C-alpha atoms as a PDB file:
ATOM      1  CA  MET A   1       0.000   0.000   0.000  1.00  0.00           C
ATOM      2  CA  THR A   2       1.117   3.533  -0.715  1.00  0.00           C
ATOM      3  CA  MET A   3       1.148   6.341   1.815  1.00  0.00           C
ATOM      4  CA  ASN A   4      -2.064   7.871   0.361  1.00  0.00           C
ATOM      5  CA  GLU A   5      -3.847   4.525   0.557  1.00  0.00           C
ATOM      6  CA  ASP A   6      -2.810   4.175   4.209  1.00  0.00           C
ATOM      7  CA  LYS A   7      -4.237   7.624   5.007  1.00  0.00           C
ATOM      8  CA  LYS A   8      -7.488   6.813   3.207  1.00  0.00           C
ATOM      9  CA  GLU A   9      -7.788   3.544   5.124  1.00  0.00           C
ATOM     10  CA  ASP A  10      -7.163   5.327   8.450  1.00  0.00           C
ATOM     11  CA  LEU A  11      -9.775   7.955   7.598  1.00  0.00           C
ATOM     12  CA  LYS A  12     -12.287   5.274   6.640  1.00  0.00           C
ATOM     13  CA  LYS A  13     -11.751   3.492   9.941  1.00  0.00           C
ATOM     14  CA  LYS A  14     -12.307   6.723  11.899  1.00  0.00           C
ATOM     15  CA  VAL A  15     -15.560   7.412  10.077  1.00  0.00           C
ATOM     16  CA  ASP A  16     -16.788   3.886  10.725  1.00  0.00           C
ATOM     17  CA  GLU A  17     -15.893   4.153  14.400  1.00  0.00           C
ATOM     18  CA  SER A  18     -17.706   7.473  14.810  1.00  0.00           C
ATOM     19  CA  TRP A  19     -20.795   5.964  13.205  1.00  0.00           C
ATOM     20  CA  LYS A  20     -20.726   3.070  15.653  1.00  0.00           C
ATOM     21  CA  GLU A  21     -20.363   5.527  18.512  1.00  0.00           C
ATOM     22  CA  ALA A  22     -23.371   7.567  17.352  1.00  0.00           C
ATOM     23  CA  VAL A  23     -25.545   4.467  17.050  1.00  0.00           C
ATOM     24  CA  SER A  24     -24.486   3.349  20.502  1.00  0.00           C
ATOM     25  CA  LYS A  25     -25.438   6.741  21.966  1.00  0.00           C
ATOM     26  CA  ASP A  26     -28.833   6.609  20.212  1.00  0.00           C
ATOM     27  CA  LYS A  27     -29.565   3.241  21.794  1.00  0.00           C
ATOM     28  CA  THR A  28     -28.671   4.609  25.222  1.00  0.00           C
ATOM     29  CA  VAL A  29     -30.910   7.653  24.843  1.00  0.00           C
ATOM     30  CA  SER A  30     -33.905   5.766  23.452  1.00  0.00           C
ATOM     31  CA  SER A  31     -33.811   3.205  26.278  1.00  0.00           C
ATOM     32  CA  ASP A  32     -34.117   5.941  28.917  1.00  0.00           C
ATOM     33  CA  PRO A  33     -37.597   5.507  30.475  1.00  0.00           C
ATOM     34  CA  LYS A  34     -37.880   9.261  31.135  1.00  0.00           C
ATOM     35  CA  THR A  35     -37.513  10.099  27.441  1.00  0.00           C
ATOM     36  CA  PRO A  36     -40.823   9.761  25.594  1.00  0.00           C
ATOM     37  CA  GLU A  37     -40.638   7.786  22.387  1.00  0.00           C
ATOM     38  CA  VAL A  38     -41.254   9.750  19.230  1.00  0.00           C
ATOM     39  CA  PRO A  39     -43.932   8.087  17.100  1.00  0.00           C
ATOM     40  CA  GLU A  40     -43.183   7.141  13.522  1.00  0.00           C
ATOM     41  CA  MET A  41     -44.236   9.964  11.204  1.00  0.00           C
ATOM     42  CA  THR A  42     -47.102   9.075   8.942  1.00  0.00           C
ATOM     43  CA  PHE A  43     -49.284  11.173   6.667  1.00  0.00           C
ATOM     44  CA  GLY A  44     -52.212  10.656   9.041  1.00  0.00           C
ATOM     45  CA  LEU A  45     -50.197  11.852  12.024  1.00  0.00           C
ATOM     46  CA  PHE A  46     -49.060  14.910  10.090  1.00  0.00           C
ATOM     47  CA  ILE A  47     -52.662  15.741   9.127  1.00  0.00           C
ATOM     48  CA  SER A  48     -53.761  15.220  12.738  1.00  0.00           C
ATOM     49  CA  GLY A  49     -51.175  17.746  13.888  1.00  0.00           C
ATOM     50  CA  LEU A  50     -52.457  20.323  11.414  1.00  0.00           C
ATOM     51  CA  LEU A  51     -56.036  19.530  12.443  1.00  0.00           C
ATOM     52  CA  MET A  52     -55.182  20.154  16.083  1.00  0.00           C
ATOM     53  CA  GLU A  53     -53.456  23.422  15.215  1.00  0.00           C
ATOM     54  CA  ALA A  54     -56.542  24.525  13.252  1.00  0.00           C
ATOM     55  CA  LEU A  55     -58.870  23.592  16.123  1.00  0.00           C
ATOM     56  CA  ILE A  56     -56.771  25.708  18.458  1.00  0.00           C
ATOM     57  CA  ALA A  57     -56.831  28.617  15.989  1.00  0.00           C
ATOM     58  CA  LEU A  58     -60.609  28.285  15.672  1.00  0.00           C
ATOM     59  CA  GLY A  59     -60.986  28.405  19.456  1.00  0.00           C
ATOM     60  CA  ASP A  60     -62.446  24.890  19.585  1.00  0.00           C
ATOM     61  CA  ALA A  61     -59.499  23.534  21.587  1.00  0.00           C
ATOM     62  CA  GLU A  62     -57.451  25.245  24.241  1.00  0.00           C
ATOM     63  CA  HIS A  63     -53.942  26.396  23.485  1.00  0.00           C
ATOM     64  CA  PRO A  64     -51.499  24.008  25.191  1.00  0.00           C
ATOM     65  CA  VAL A  65     -49.413  26.837  26.651  1.00  0.00           C
ATOM     66  CA  THR A  66     -51.964  29.510  27.588  1.00  0.00           C
ATOM     67  CA  LYS A  67     -54.730  27.002  28.413  1.00  0.00           C
ATOM     68  CA  LYS A  68     -57.179  29.446  26.794  1.00  0.00           C
ATOM     69  CA  LYS A  69     -59.526  29.100  23.852  1.00  0.00           C
ATOM     70  CA  GLU A  70     -58.973  32.012  21.492  1.00  0.00           C
ATOM     71  CA  LEU A  71     -60.120  32.568  17.921  1.00  0.00           C
ATOM     72  CA  SER A  72     -57.482  33.471  15.331  1.00  0.00           C
ATOM     73  CA  VAL A  73     -59.232  33.647  11.963  1.00  0.00           C
ATOM     74  CA  PRO A  74     -56.061  34.391   9.922  1.00  0.00           C
ATOM     75  CA  HIS A  75     -54.193  31.461  11.465  1.00  0.00           C
ATOM     76  CA  ALA A  76     -57.125  29.083  10.971  1.00  0.00           C
ATOM     77  CA  LYS A  77     -57.451  30.211   7.355  1.00  0.00           C
ATOM     78  CA  PHE A  78     -53.722  29.607   6.801  1.00  0.00           C
ATOM     79  CA  ILE A  79     -53.911  26.042   8.162  1.00  0.00           C
ATOM     80  CA  ILE A  80     -57.020  25.244   6.097  1.00  0.00           C
ATOM     81  CA  GLU A  81     -55.346  26.604   2.966  1.00  0.00           C
ATOM     82  CA  THR A  82     -52.238  24.554   3.784  1.00  0.00           C
ATOM     83  CA  LEU A  83     -54.327  21.380   4.009  1.00  0.00           C
ATOM     84  CA  ALA A  84     -56.067  22.244   0.717  1.00  0.00           C
ATOM     85  CA  MET A  85     -52.682  22.768  -0.938  1.00  0.00           C
ATOM     86  CA  LEU A  86     -51.495  19.386   0.406  1.00  0.00           C
ATOM     87  CA  LYS A  87     -54.630  17.775  -1.028  1.00  0.00           C
ATOM     88  CA  ASP A  88     -53.887  19.260  -4.443  1.00  0.00           C
ATOM     89  CA  LYS A  89     -50.177  18.397  -4.376  1.00  0.00           C
ATOM     90  CA  THR A  90     -50.724  14.814  -3.220  1.00  0.00           C
ATOM     91  CA  LYS A  91     -53.571  14.037  -5.631  1.00  0.00           C
ATOM     92  CA  ASN A  92     -53.361  10.417  -6.831  1.00  0.00           C
ATOM     93  CA  ASN A  93     -50.473   9.740  -4.442  1.00  0.00           C
ATOM     94  CA  LEU A  94     -52.439   8.916  -1.297  1.00  0.00           C
ATOM     95  CA  SER A  95     -54.092   5.717  -0.219  1.00  0.00           C
ATOM     96  CA  LYS A  96     -57.884   5.746  -0.191  1.00  0.00           C
ATOM     97  CA  GLU A  97     -57.830   5.948   3.607  1.00  0.00           C
ATOM     98  CA  GLU A  98     -55.401   8.896   3.602  1.00  0.00           C
ATOM     99  CA  ASN A  99     -57.395  10.724   0.930  1.00  0.00           C
ATOM    100  CA  ASP A 100     -60.718  10.154   2.709  1.00  0.00           C
ATOM    101  CA  SER A 101     -59.237  11.318   5.999  1.00  0.00           C
ATOM    102  CA  LEU A 102     -57.808  14.474   4.439  1.00  0.00           C
ATOM    103  CA  GLU A 103     -61.112  15.272   2.734  1.00  0.00           C
ATOM    104  CA  ALA A 104     -63.052  14.742   5.978  1.00  0.00           C
ATOM    105  CA  VAL A 105     -60.661  16.978   7.926  1.00  0.00           C
ATOM    106  CA  LEU A 106     -60.896  19.703   5.280  1.00  0.00           C
ATOM    107  CA  TYR A 107     -64.686  19.545   5.165  1.00  0.00           C
ATOM    108  CA  ASP A 108     -64.988  19.701   8.965  1.00  0.00           C
ATOM    109  CA  LEU A 109     -62.537  22.598   9.290  1.00  0.00           C
ATOM    110  CA  ARG A 110     -64.166  24.564   6.484  1.00  0.00           C
ATOM    111  CA  MET A 111     -67.589  24.224   8.135  1.00  0.00           C
ATOM    112  CA  ARG A 112     -66.177  25.311  11.496  1.00  0.00           C
ATOM    113  CA  PHE A 113     -64.371  28.210   9.828  1.00  0.00           C
ATOM    114  CA  VAL A 114     -67.574  29.472   8.154  1.00  0.00           C
ATOM    115  CA  GLN A 115     -69.398  29.347  11.506  1.00  0.00           C
ATOM    116  CA  LYS A 116     -66.631  31.143  13.391  1.00  0.00           C
ATOM    117  CA  ALA A 117     -65.640  33.715  10.781  1.00  0.00           C
ATOM    118  CA  GLY A 118     -69.283  34.654  10.154  1.00  0.00           C
ATOM    119  CA  LYS A 119     -69.847  35.818  13.740  1.00  0.00           C
END
């Protein structure tokens, strides 16, 4: 082996070792009972998060920090428009269940929005 090949081999070994170290640390952190496990991200979970944010903006659910129910029409409108944009951009790329869920969420939020914004 030449000197350059030796250096490349040493560098490769260091990278591999650091990767092993990172994986080992991840296992230690995730096994800590005090650390809540993060759920696997799915389209449904993502939509649920936006739904919850819209319900808070519509004043139908209390804000997790302030513990108050407050109406924010512009924020609710933004979330509803975001969901509508996602529906358009993901057309023909969702499962039937995902599509039906998204449509139901959009319908429900739009009806709530009309009731709240009309007052």
